[in-house]
């Protein structure tokens, strides 16, 4: 999808320089400890099995936080599994944005 030339972005098209696919995820756990966050981020990298389904990990390329919500940028892999406690106890991972190359 090309951005309108009238917007001042001549020739700009949707996509990214972030690799084939990059997902921005929230990692939410009220009162999250550093150990819980470390566990969740490690599981996002190594992958998890939920109900006999394997969700392979991805490369963590960025982490930032705002209160109890941590934002993690993941490159590659598949979309993380979204059930609570799949990556760490009482922690929910949600994909909030996806950047995918449009070739």
PDB file of N, CA and C in Angstrom:
ATOM      1  N   UNK A   1       0.853  -1.159   0.000  1.00  0.00           N
ATOM      2  CA  UNK A   1       0.000   0.000   0.000  1.00  0.00           C
ATOM      3  C   UNK A   1       0.900   1.223   0.000  1.00  0.00           C
ATOM      4  N   UNK A   2       0.789   2.063  -1.003  1.00  0.00           N
ATOM      5  CA  UNK A   2       1.606   3.268  -1.093  1.00  0.00           C
ATOM      6  C   UNK A   2       0.935   4.412  -0.350  1.00  0.00           C
ATOM      7  N   UNK A   3       1.745   5.260   0.238  1.00  0.00           N
ATOM      8  CA  UNK A   3       1.228   6.462   0.892  1.00  0.00           C
ATOM      9  C   UNK A   3       0.991   7.504  -0.184  1.00  0.00           C
ATOM     10  N   UNK A   4      -0.083   8.232  -0.076  1.00  0.00           N
ATOM     11  CA  UNK A   4      -0.447   9.233  -1.081  1.00  0.00           C
ATOM     12  C   UNK A   4       0.692  10.208  -1.320  1.00  0.00           C
ATOM     13  N   UNK A   5       0.958  10.507  -2.591  1.00  0.00           N
ATOM     14  CA  UNK A   5       1.986  11.482  -2.940  1.00  0.00           C
ATOM     15  C   UNK A   5       1.625  12.859  -2.394  1.00  0.00           C
ATOM     16  N   UNK A   6       0.354  13.136  -2.221  1.00  0.00           N
ATOM     17  CA  UNK A   6      -0.079  14.422  -1.678  1.00  0.00           C
ATOM     18  C   UNK A   6       0.328  14.601  -0.226  1.00  0.00           C
ATOM     19  N   UNK A   7       0.670  13.513   0.438  1.00  0.00           N
ATOM     20  CA  UNK A   7       1.071  13.586   1.839  1.00  0.00           C
ATOM     21  C   UNK A   7       2.511  14.053   1.992  1.00  0.00           C
ATOM     22  N   UNK A   8       3.221  14.264   0.869  1.00  0.00           N
ATOM     23  CA  UNK A   8       4.598  14.724   0.926  1.00  0.00           C
ATOM     24  C   UNK A   8       5.615  13.609   1.051  1.00  0.00           C
ATOM     25  N   UNK A   9       5.186  12.368   0.915  1.00  0.00           N
ATOM     26  CA  UNK A   9       6.074  11.217   1.022  1.00  0.00           C
ATOM     27  C   UNK A   9       6.155  10.531  -0.338  1.00  0.00           C
ATOM     28  N   UNK A  10       6.777  11.171  -1.308  1.00  0.00           N
ATOM     29  CA  UNK A  10       6.843  10.661  -2.669  1.00  0.00           C
ATOM     30  C   UNK A  10       7.564   9.321  -2.694  1.00  0.00           C
ATOM     31  N   UNK A  11       6.885   8.302  -3.207  1.00  0.00           N
ATOM     32  CA  UNK A  11       7.472   6.985  -3.376  1.00  0.00           C
ATOM     33  C   UNK A  11       7.569   6.140  -2.115  1.00  0.00           C
ATOM     34  N   UNK A  12       7.088   6.607  -0.974  1.00  0.00           N
ATOM     35  CA  UNK A  12       7.150   5.819   0.254  1.00  0.00           C
ATOM     36  C   UNK A  12       6.061   4.764   0.228  1.00  0.00           C
ATOM     37  N   UNK A  13       6.452   3.533   0.591  1.00  0.00           N
ATOM     38  CA  UNK A  13       5.491   2.443   0.636  1.00  0.00           C
ATOM     39  C   UNK A  13       5.530   1.783   2.010  1.00  0.00           C
ATOM     40  N   UNK A  14       4.431   1.121   2.365  1.00  0.00           N
ATOM     41  CA  UNK A  14       4.366   0.422   3.646  1.00  0.00           C
ATOM     42  C   UNK A  14       5.450  -0.636   3.713  1.00  0.00           C
ATOM     43  N   UNK A  15       5.999  -0.842   4.872  1.00  0.00           N
ATOM     44  CA  UNK A  15       7.052  -1.827   5.078  1.00  0.00           C
ATOM     45  C   UNK A  15       7.964  -1.345   6.187  1.00  0.00           C
ATOM     46  N   UNK A  16       9.115  -1.978   6.320  1.00  0.00           N
ATOM     47  CA  UNK A  16      10.046  -1.562   7.357  1.00  0.00           C
ATOM     48  C   UNK A  16      11.450  -2.013   7.004  1.00  0.00           C
ATOM     49  N   UNK A  17      12.404  -1.466   7.693  1.00  0.00           N
ATOM     50  CA  UNK A  17      13.778  -1.912   7.583  1.00  0.00           C
ATOM     51  C   UNK A  17      14.137  -2.772   8.776  1.00  0.00           C
ATOM     52  N   UNK A  18      13.134  -3.327   9.422  1.00  0.00           N
ATOM     53  CA  UNK A  18      13.308  -4.065  10.674  1.00  0.00           C
ATOM     54  C   UNK A  18      13.418  -5.569  10.481  1.00  0.00           C
ATOM     55  N   UNK A  19      13.586  -6.035   9.254  1.00  0.00           N
ATOM     56  CA  UNK A  19      13.601  -7.468   9.002  1.00  0.00           C
ATOM     57  C   UNK A  19      12.285  -7.883   8.369  1.00  0.00           C
ATOM     58  N   UNK A  20      12.125  -9.179   8.111  1.00  0.00           N
ATOM     59  CA  UNK A  20      10.915  -9.657   7.436  1.00  0.00           C
ATOM     60  C   UNK A  20       9.652  -9.358   8.223  1.00  0.00           C
ATOM     61  N   UNK A  21       9.713  -9.553   9.523  1.00  0.00           N
ATOM     62  CA  UNK A  21       8.543  -9.264  10.360  1.00  0.00           C
ATOM     63  C   UNK A  21       9.007  -8.877  11.764  1.00  0.00           C
ATOM     64  N   UNK A  22       8.428  -7.816  12.279  1.00  0.00           N
ATOM     65  CA  UNK A  22       8.702  -7.364  13.643  1.00  0.00           C
ATOM     66  C   UNK A  22       7.365  -7.113  14.315  1.00  0.00           C
ATOM     67  N   UNK A  23       7.217  -7.660  15.514  1.00  0.00           N
ATOM     68  CA  UNK A  23       5.984  -7.465  16.286  1.00  0.00           C
ATOM     69  C   UNK A  23       6.304  -6.690  17.552  1.00  0.00           C
ATOM     70  N   UNK A  24       5.448  -5.722  17.867  1.00  0.00           N
ATOM     71  CA  UNK A  24       5.542  -5.010  19.138  1.00  0.00           C
ATOM     72  C   UNK A  24       4.500  -5.649  20.051  1.00  0.00           C
ATOM     73  N   UNK A  25       4.953  -6.131  21.185  1.00  0.00           N
ATOM     74  CA  UNK A  25       4.069  -6.826  22.127  1.00  0.00           C
ATOM     75  C   UNK A  25       4.073  -6.122  23.470  1.00  0.00           C
ATOM     76  N   UNK A  26       2.962  -6.223  24.175  1.00  0.00           N
ATOM     77  CA  UNK A  26       2.932  -5.791  25.564  1.00  0.00           C
ATOM     78  C   UNK A  26       3.098  -7.031  26.441  1.00  0.00           C
ATOM     79  N   UNK A  27       3.822  -6.855  27.522  1.00  0.00           N
ATOM     80  CA  UNK A  27       3.974  -7.890  28.542  1.00  0.00           C
ATOM     81  C   UNK A  27       3.421  -7.253  29.813  1.00  0.00           C
ATOM     82  N   UNK A  28       2.239  -7.720  30.248  1.00  0.00           N
ATOM     83  CA  UNK A  28       1.518  -7.065  31.330  1.00  0.00           C
ATOM     84  C   UNK A  28       1.353  -8.012  32.514  1.00  0.00           C
ATOM     85  N   UNK A  29       1.689  -7.485  33.698  1.00  0.00           N
ATOM     86  CA  UNK A  29       1.522  -8.210  34.943  1.00  0.00           C
ATOM     87  C   UNK A  29       1.524  -7.141  36.036  1.00  0.00           C
ATOM     88  N   UNK A  30       0.397  -6.922  36.695  1.00  0.00           N
ATOM     89  CA  UNK A  30       0.320  -5.911  37.737  1.00  0.00           C
ATOM     90  C   UNK A  30       1.313  -6.221  38.849  1.00  0.00           C
ATOM     91  N   UNK A  31       2.162  -5.255  39.160  1.00  0.00           N
ATOM     92  CA  UNK A  31       3.168  -5.463  40.191  1.00  0.00           C
ATOM     93  C   UNK A  31       4.297  -6.366  39.747  1.00  0.00           C
ATOM     94  N   UNK A  32       4.522  -6.440  38.449  1.00  0.00           N
ATOM     95  CA  UNK A  32       5.530  -7.329  37.870  1.00  0.00           C
ATOM     96  C   UNK A  32       6.913  -7.122  38.483  1.00  0.00           C
ATOM     97  N   UNK A  33       7.539  -8.226  38.855  1.00  0.00           N
ATOM     98  CA  UNK A  33       8.899  -8.154  39.390  1.00  0.00           C
ATOM     99  C   UNK A  33       9.899  -8.296  38.246  1.00  0.00           C
ATOM    100  N   UNK A  34      11.150  -7.960  38.511  1.00  0.00           N
ATOM    101  CA  UNK A  34      12.185  -8.117  37.495  1.00  0.00           C
ATOM    102  C   UNK A  34      12.351  -9.585  37.113  1.00  0.00           C
ATOM    103  N   UNK A  35      12.247 -10.487  38.089  1.00  0.00           N
ATOM    104  CA  UNK A  35      12.366 -11.920  37.797  1.00  0.00           C
ATOM    105  C   UNK A  35      11.247 -12.401  36.882  1.00  0.00           C
ATOM    106  N   UNK A  36      10.004 -11.920  37.122  1.00  0.00           N
ATOM    107  CA  UNK A  36       8.875 -12.299  36.263  1.00  0.00           C
ATOM    108  C   UNK A  36       9.086 -11.779  34.842  1.00  0.00           C
ATOM    109  N   UNK A  37       9.560 -10.545  34.730  1.00  0.00           N
ATOM    110  CA  UNK A  37       9.822  -9.980  33.408  1.00  0.00           C
ATOM    111  C   UNK A  37      10.930 -10.763  32.709  1.00  0.00           C
ATOM    112  N   UNK A  38      12.003 -11.063  33.423  1.00  0.00           N
ATOM    113  CA  UNK A  38      13.094 -11.838  32.833  1.00  0.00           C
ATOM    114  C   UNK A  38      12.604 -13.189  32.330  1.00  0.00           C
ATOM    115  N   UNK A  39      11.742 -13.843  33.113  1.00  0.00           N
ATOM    116  CA  UNK A  39      11.186 -15.143  32.730  1.00  0.00           C
ATOM    117  C   UNK A  39      10.361 -15.013  31.459  1.00  0.00           C
ATOM    118  N   UNK A  40       9.503 -13.990  31.382  1.00  0.00           N
ATOM    119  CA  UNK A  40       8.655 -13.792  30.202  1.00  0.00           C
ATOM    120  C   UNK A  40       9.494 -13.505  28.969  1.00  0.00           C
ATOM    121  N   UNK A  41      10.474 -12.620  29.089  1.00  0.00           N
ATOM    122  CA  UNK A  41      11.309 -12.264  27.936  1.00  0.00           C
ATOM    123  C   UNK A  41      12.126 -13.470  27.476  1.00  0.00           C
ATOM    124  N   UNK A  42      12.657 -14.246  28.412  1.00  0.00           N
ATOM    125  CA  UNK A  42      13.409 -15.449  28.036  1.00  0.00           C
ATOM    126  C   UNK A  42      12.504 -16.427  27.284  1.00  0.00           C
ATOM    127  N   UNK A  43      11.268 -16.614  27.762  1.00  0.00           N
ATOM    128  CA  UNK A  43      10.336 -17.521  27.103  1.00  0.00           C
ATOM    129  C   UNK A  43       9.939 -17.015  25.718  1.00  0.00           C
ATOM    130  N   UNK A  44       9.839 -15.685  25.545  1.00  0.00           N
ATOM    131  CA  UNK A  44       9.557 -15.125  24.221  1.00  0.00           C
ATOM    132  C   UNK A  44      10.692 -15.437  23.244  1.00  0.00           C
ATOM    133  N   UNK A  45      11.900 -15.564  23.763  1.00  0.00           N
ATOM    134  CA  UNK A  45      13.057 -15.873  22.916  1.00  0.00           C
ATOM    135  C   UNK A  45      13.190 -17.370  22.633  1.00  0.00           C
ATOM    136  N   UNK A  46      12.902 -18.199  23.631  1.00  0.00           N
ATOM    137  CA  UNK A  46      13.126 -19.639  23.468  1.00  0.00           C
ATOM    138  C   UNK A  46      11.892 -20.367  22.954  1.00  0.00           C
ATOM    139  N   UNK A  47      10.693 -19.804  23.161  1.00  0.00           N
ATOM    140  CA  UNK A  47       9.453 -20.426  22.733  1.00  0.00           C
ATOM    141  C   UNK A  47       8.759 -21.155  23.872  1.00  0.00           C
ATOM    142  N   UNK A  48       7.489 -21.443  23.679  1.00  0.00           N
ATOM    143  CA  UNK A  48       6.700 -22.147  24.689  1.00  0.00           C
ATOM    144  C   UNK A  48       5.770 -23.151  24.006  1.00  0.00           C
ATOM    145  N   UNK A  49       5.352 -24.154  24.779  1.00  0.00           N
ATOM    146  CA  UNK A  49       4.335 -25.100  24.331  1.00  0.00           C
ATOM    147  C   UNK A  49       3.080 -24.844  25.152  1.00  0.00           C
ATOM    148  N   UNK A  50       1.965 -24.609  24.473  1.00  0.00           N
ATOM    149  CA  UNK A  50       0.682 -24.367  25.135  1.00  0.00           C
ATOM    150  C   UNK A  50      -0.334 -25.330  24.526  1.00  0.00           C
ATOM    151  N   UNK A  51      -0.965 -26.156  25.344  1.00  0.00           N
ATOM    152  CA  UNK A  51      -1.957 -27.140  24.881  1.00  0.00           C
ATOM    153  C   UNK A  51      -1.410 -27.971  23.725  1.00  0.00           C
ATOM    154  N   UNK A  52      -0.181 -28.455  23.875  1.00  0.00           N
ATOM    155  CA  UNK A  52       0.490 -29.298  22.887  1.00  0.00           C
ATOM    156  C   UNK A  52       0.794 -28.596  21.565  1.00  0.00           C
ATOM    157  N   UNK A  53       0.757 -27.272  21.546  1.00  0.00           N
ATOM    158  CA  UNK A  53       1.114 -26.505  20.344  1.00  0.00           C
ATOM    159  C   UNK A  53       2.385 -25.722  20.651  1.00  0.00           C
ATOM    160  N   UNK A  54       3.400 -25.859  19.780  1.00  0.00           N
ATOM    161  CA  UNK A  54       4.678 -25.182  19.950  1.00  0.00           C
ATOM    162  C   UNK A  54       4.622 -23.785  19.336  1.00  0.00           C
ATOM    163  N   UNK A  55       4.979 -22.787  20.111  1.00  0.00           N
ATOM    164  CA  UNK A  55       5.090 -21.400  19.659  1.00  0.00           C
ATOM    165  C   UNK A  55       6.573 -21.035  19.718  1.00  0.00           C
ATOM    166  N   UNK A  56       7.274 -21.083  18.568  1.00  0.00           N
ATOM    167  CA  UNK A  56       8.714 -20.827  18.584  1.00  0.00           C
ATOM    168  C   UNK A  56       9.031 -19.402  19.006  1.00  0.00           C
ATOM    169  N   UNK A  57      10.195 -19.235  19.549  1.00  0.00           N
ATOM    170  CA  UNK A  57      10.611 -17.922  20.010  1.00  0.00           C
ATOM    171  C   UNK A  57      11.020 -17.012  18.871  1.00  0.00           C
ATOM    172  N   UNK A  58      11.352 -15.789  19.220  1.00  0.00           N
ATOM    173  CA  UNK A  58      11.785 -14.776  18.271  1.00  0.00           C
ATOM    174  C   UNK A  58      12.970 -14.045  18.892  1.00  0.00           C
ATOM    175  N   UNK A  59      13.568 -13.158  18.126  1.00  0.00           N
ATOM    176  CA  UNK A  59      14.686 -12.370  18.629  1.00  0.00           C
ATOM    177  C   UNK A  59      14.149 -11.091  19.269  1.00  0.00           C
ATOM    178  N   UNK A  60      14.493 -10.859  20.521  1.00  0.00           N
ATOM    179  CA  UNK A  60      14.099  -9.623  21.201  1.00  0.00           C
ATOM    180  C   UNK A  60      15.070  -8.526  20.752  1.00  0.00           C
ATOM    181  N   UNK A  61      14.525  -7.481  20.116  1.00  0.00           N
ATOM    182  CA  UNK A  61      15.376  -6.404  19.595  1.00  0.00           C
ATOM    183  C   UNK A  61      15.167  -5.085  20.324  1.00  0.00           C
ATOM    184  N   UNK A  62      14.242  -5.056  21.285  1.00  0.00           N
ATOM    185  CA  UNK A  62      14.032  -3.844  22.059  1.00  0.00           C
ATOM    186  C   UNK A  62      13.066  -4.075  23.191  1.00  0.00           C
ATOM    187  N   UNK A  63      13.287  -3.360  24.297  1.00  0.00           N
ATOM    188  CA  UNK A  63      12.407  -3.447  25.465  1.00  0.00           C
ATOM    189  C   UNK A  63      12.302  -2.057  26.078  1.00  0.00           C
ATOM    190  N   UNK A  64      11.080  -1.643  26.413  1.00  0.00           N
ATOM    191  CA  UNK A  64      10.863  -0.398  27.141  1.00  0.00           C
ATOM    192  C   UNK A  64       9.648  -0.600  28.042  1.00  0.00           C
ATOM    193  N   UNK A  65       9.479   0.253  29.042  1.00  0.00           N
ATOM    194  CA  UNK A  65       8.395   0.049  30.000  1.00  0.00           C
ATOM    195  C   UNK A  65       7.679   1.346  30.309  1.00  0.00           C
ATOM    196  N   UNK A  66       6.399   1.200  30.644  1.00  0.00           N
ATOM    197  CA  UNK A  66       5.563   2.291  31.128  1.00  0.00           C
ATOM    198  C   UNK A  66       4.703   1.695  32.233  1.00  0.00           C
ATOM    199  N   UNK A  67       5.040   1.985  33.483  1.00  0.00           N
ATOM    200  CA  UNK A  67       4.352   1.436  34.660  1.00  0.00           C
ATOM    201  C   UNK A  67       4.414  -0.092  34.613  1.00  0.00           C
ATOM    202  N   UNK A  68       3.267  -0.775  34.703  1.00  0.00           N
ATOM    203  CA  UNK A  68       3.241  -2.240  34.724  1.00  0.00           C
ATOM    204  C   UNK A  68       3.202  -2.852  33.328  1.00  0.00           C
ATOM    205  N   UNK A  69       3.259  -2.029  32.287  1.00  0.00           N
ATOM    206  CA  UNK A  69       3.242  -2.529  30.917  1.00  0.00           C
ATOM    207  C   UNK A  69       4.637  -2.408  30.321  1.00  0.00           C
ATOM    208  N   UNK A  70       5.143  -3.519  29.853  1.00  0.00           N
ATOM    209  CA  UNK A  70       6.443  -3.552  29.199  1.00  0.00           C
ATOM    210  C   UNK A  70       6.197  -3.808  27.711  1.00  0.00           C
ATOM    211  N   UNK A  71       6.861  -3.039  26.860  1.00  0.00           N
ATOM    212  CA  UNK A  71       6.761  -3.215  25.414  1.00  0.00           C
ATOM    213  C   UNK A  71       8.023  -3.922  24.932  1.00  0.00           C
ATOM    214  N   UNK A  72       7.826  -4.995  24.164  1.00  0.00           N
ATOM    215  CA  UNK A  72       8.937  -5.781  23.655  1.00  0.00           C
ATOM    216  C   UNK A  72       8.823  -5.844  22.136  1.00  0.00           C
ATOM    217  N   UNK A  73       9.911  -5.540  21.438  1.00  0.00           N
ATOM    218  CA  UNK A  73       9.965  -5.675  19.985  1.00  0.00           C
ATOM    219  C   UNK A  73      10.576  -7.033  19.668  1.00  0.00           C
ATOM    220  N   UNK A  74       9.827  -7.848  18.909  1.00  0.00           N
ATOM    221  CA  UNK A  74      10.264  -9.195  18.538  1.00  0.00           C
ATOM    222  C   UNK A  74      10.460  -9.271  17.039  1.00  0.00           C
ATOM    223  N   UNK A  75      11.577  -9.805  16.603  1.00  0.00           N
ATOM    224  CA  UNK A  75      11.848  -9.969  15.185  1.00  0.00           C
ATOM    225  C   UNK A  75      11.817 -11.443  14.833  1.00  0.00           C
ATOM    226  N   UNK A  76      11.073 -11.763  13.768  1.00  0.00           N
ATOM    227  CA  UNK A  76      10.978 -13.143  13.299  1.00  0.00           C
ATOM    228  C   UNK A  76      10.000 -13.955  14.120  1.00  0.00           C
ATOM    229  N   UNK A  77      10.043 -15.267  13.919  1.00  0.00           N
ATOM    230  CA  UNK A  77       9.161 -16.164  14.659  1.00  0.00           C
ATOM    231  C   UNK A  77       7.708 -16.038  14.249  1.00  0.00           C
ATOM    232  N   UNK A  78       6.846 -16.553  15.088  1.00  0.00           N
ATOM    233  CA  UNK A  78       5.400 -16.471  14.875  1.00  0.00           C
ATOM    234  C   UNK A  78       4.815 -15.573  15.953  1.00  0.00           C
ATOM    235  N   UNK A  79       3.564 -15.186  15.785  1.00  0.00           N
ATOM    236  CA  UNK A  79       2.908 -14.348  16.789  1.00  0.00           C
ATOM    237  C   UNK A  79       2.876 -15.094  18.117  1.00  0.00           C
ATOM    238  N   UNK A  80       3.249 -14.422  19.207  1.00  0.00           N
ATOM    239  CA  UNK A  80       3.225 -15.077  20.519  1.00  0.00           C
ATOM    240  C   UNK A  80       1.826 -15.547  20.900  1.00  0.00           C
ATOM    241  N   UNK A  81       1.775 -16.589  21.688  1.00  0.00           N
ATOM    242  CA  UNK A  81       0.530 -17.126  22.214  1.00  0.00           C
ATOM    243  C   UNK A  81      -0.014 -16.134  23.238  1.00  0.00           C
ATOM    244  N   UNK A  82      -1.325 -15.872  23.224  1.00  0.00           N
ATOM    245  CA  UNK A  82      -1.875 -14.802  24.025  1.00  0.00           C
ATOM    246  C   UNK A  82      -2.554 -15.165  25.330  1.00  0.00           C
ATOM    247  N   UNK A  83      -2.566 -16.434  25.721  1.00  0.00           N
ATOM    248  CA  UNK A  83      -3.219 -16.809  26.973  1.00  0.00           C
ATOM    249  C   UNK A  83      -2.420 -16.333  28.174  1.00  0.00           C
ATOM    250  N   UNK A  84      -3.109 -15.923  29.224  1.00  0.00           N
ATOM    251  CA  UNK A  84      -2.438 -15.495  30.451  1.00  0.00           C
ATOM    252  C   UNK A  84      -1.580 -16.630  30.992  1.00  0.00           C
ATOM    253  N   UNK A  85      -0.430 -16.279  31.503  1.00  0.00           N
ATOM    254  CA  UNK A  85       0.513 -17.204  32.148  1.00  0.00           C
ATOM    255  C   UNK A  85       1.220 -18.163  31.190  1.00  0.00           C
ATOM    256  N   UNK A  86       1.148 -17.930  29.889  1.00  0.00           N
ATOM    257  CA  UNK A  86       1.857 -18.794  28.939  1.00  0.00           C
ATOM    258  C   UNK A  86       3.364 -18.576  29.001  1.00  0.00           C
ATOM    259  N   UNK A  87       3.792 -17.350  29.320  1.00  0.00           N
ATOM    260  CA  UNK A  87       5.215 -17.011  29.317  1.00  0.00           C
ATOM    261  C   UNK A  87       5.778 -16.824  30.723  1.00  0.00           C
ATOM    262  N   UNK A  88       4.964 -16.400  31.657  1.00  0.00           N
ATOM    263  CA  UNK A  88       5.335 -16.262  33.065  1.00  0.00           C
ATOM    264  C   UNK A  88       4.039 -16.187  33.865  1.00  0.00           C
ATOM    265  N   UNK A  89       4.067 -16.599  35.115  1.00  0.00           N
ATOM    266  CA  UNK A  89       2.873 -16.619  35.957  1.00  0.00           C
ATOM    267  C   UNK A  89       2.224 -15.239  36.008  1.00  0.00           C
ATOM    268  N   UNK A  90       0.902 -15.223  35.792  1.00  0.00           N
ATOM    269  CA  UNK A  90       0.080 -14.005  35.860  1.00  0.00           C
ATOM    270  C   UNK A  90       0.499 -12.930  34.861  1.00  0.00           C
ATOM    271  N   UNK A  91       1.181 -13.311  33.798  1.00  0.00           N
ATOM    272  CA  UNK A  91       1.648 -12.369  32.782  1.00  0.00           C
ATOM    273  C   UNK A  91       0.921 -12.639  31.472  1.00  0.00           C
ATOM    274  N   UNK A  92       0.481 -11.578  30.814  1.00  0.00           N
ATOM    275  CA  UNK A  92      -0.194 -11.696  29.524  1.00  0.00           C
ATOM    276  C   UNK A  92       0.633 -10.990  28.461  1.00  0.00           C
ATOM    277  N   UNK A  93       0.848 -11.670  27.340  1.00  0.00           N
ATOM    278  CA  UNK A  93       1.569 -11.113  26.201  1.00  0.00           C
ATOM    279  C   UNK A  93       0.565 -10.871  25.085  1.00  0.00           C
ATOM    280  N   UNK A  94       0.561  -9.652  24.537  1.00  0.00           N
ATOM    281  CA  UNK A  94      -0.370  -9.285  23.470  1.00  0.00           C
ATOM    282  C   UNK A  94       0.382  -8.569  22.361  1.00  0.00           C
ATOM    283  N   UNK A  95       0.147  -8.965  21.109  1.00  0.00           N
ATOM    284  CA  UNK A  95       0.727  -8.256  19.965  1.00  0.00           C
ATOM    285  C   UNK A  95      -0.105  -6.993  19.741  1.00  0.00           C
ATOM    286  N   UNK A  96       0.554  -5.832  19.759  1.00  0.00           N
ATOM    287  CA  UNK A  96      -0.164  -4.564  19.563  1.00  0.00           C
ATOM    288  C   UNK A  96       0.154  -3.913  18.219  1.00  0.00           C
ATOM    289  N   UNK A  97       1.223  -4.343  17.546  1.00  0.00           N
ATOM    290  CA  UNK A  97       1.557  -3.829  16.215  1.00  0.00           C
ATOM    291  C   UNK A  97       2.443  -4.834  15.503  1.00  0.00           C
ATOM    292  N   UNK A  98       2.273  -4.931  14.189  1.00  0.00           N
ATOM    293  CA  UNK A  98       3.087  -5.819  13.359  1.00  0.00           C
ATOM    294  C   UNK A  98       3.615  -5.029  12.178  1.00  0.00           C
ATOM    295  N   UNK A  99       4.932  -5.097  11.956  1.00  0.00           N
ATOM    296  CA  UNK A  99       5.575  -4.481  10.802  1.00  0.00           C
ATOM    297  C   UNK A  99       6.094  -5.612   9.941  1.00  0.00           C
ATOM    298  N   UNK A 100       5.596  -5.693   8.701  1.00  0.00           N
ATOM    299  CA  UNK A 100       5.954  -6.803   7.825  1.00  0.00           C
ATOM    300  C   UNK A 100       6.387  -6.251   6.472  1.00  0.00           C
ATOM    301  N   UNK A 101       7.479  -6.804   5.936  1.00  0.00           N
ATOM    302  CA  UNK A 101       7.929  -6.396   4.609  1.00  0.00           C
ATOM    303  C   UNK A 101       6.842  -6.691   3.586  1.00  0.00           C
ATOM    304  N   UNK A 102       6.653  -5.783   2.655  1.00  0.00           N
ATOM    305  CA  UNK A 102       5.639  -5.912   1.613  1.00  0.00           C
ATOM    306  C   UNK A 102       6.342  -6.095   0.261  1.00  0.00           C
ATOM    307  N   UNK A 103       6.820  -7.293  -0.005  1.00  0.00           N
ATOM    308  CA  UNK A 103       7.534  -7.522  -1.265  1.00  0.00           C
ATOM    309  C   UNK A 103       6.655  -8.126  -2.288  1.00  0.00           C
TER     310      UNK A 103
END
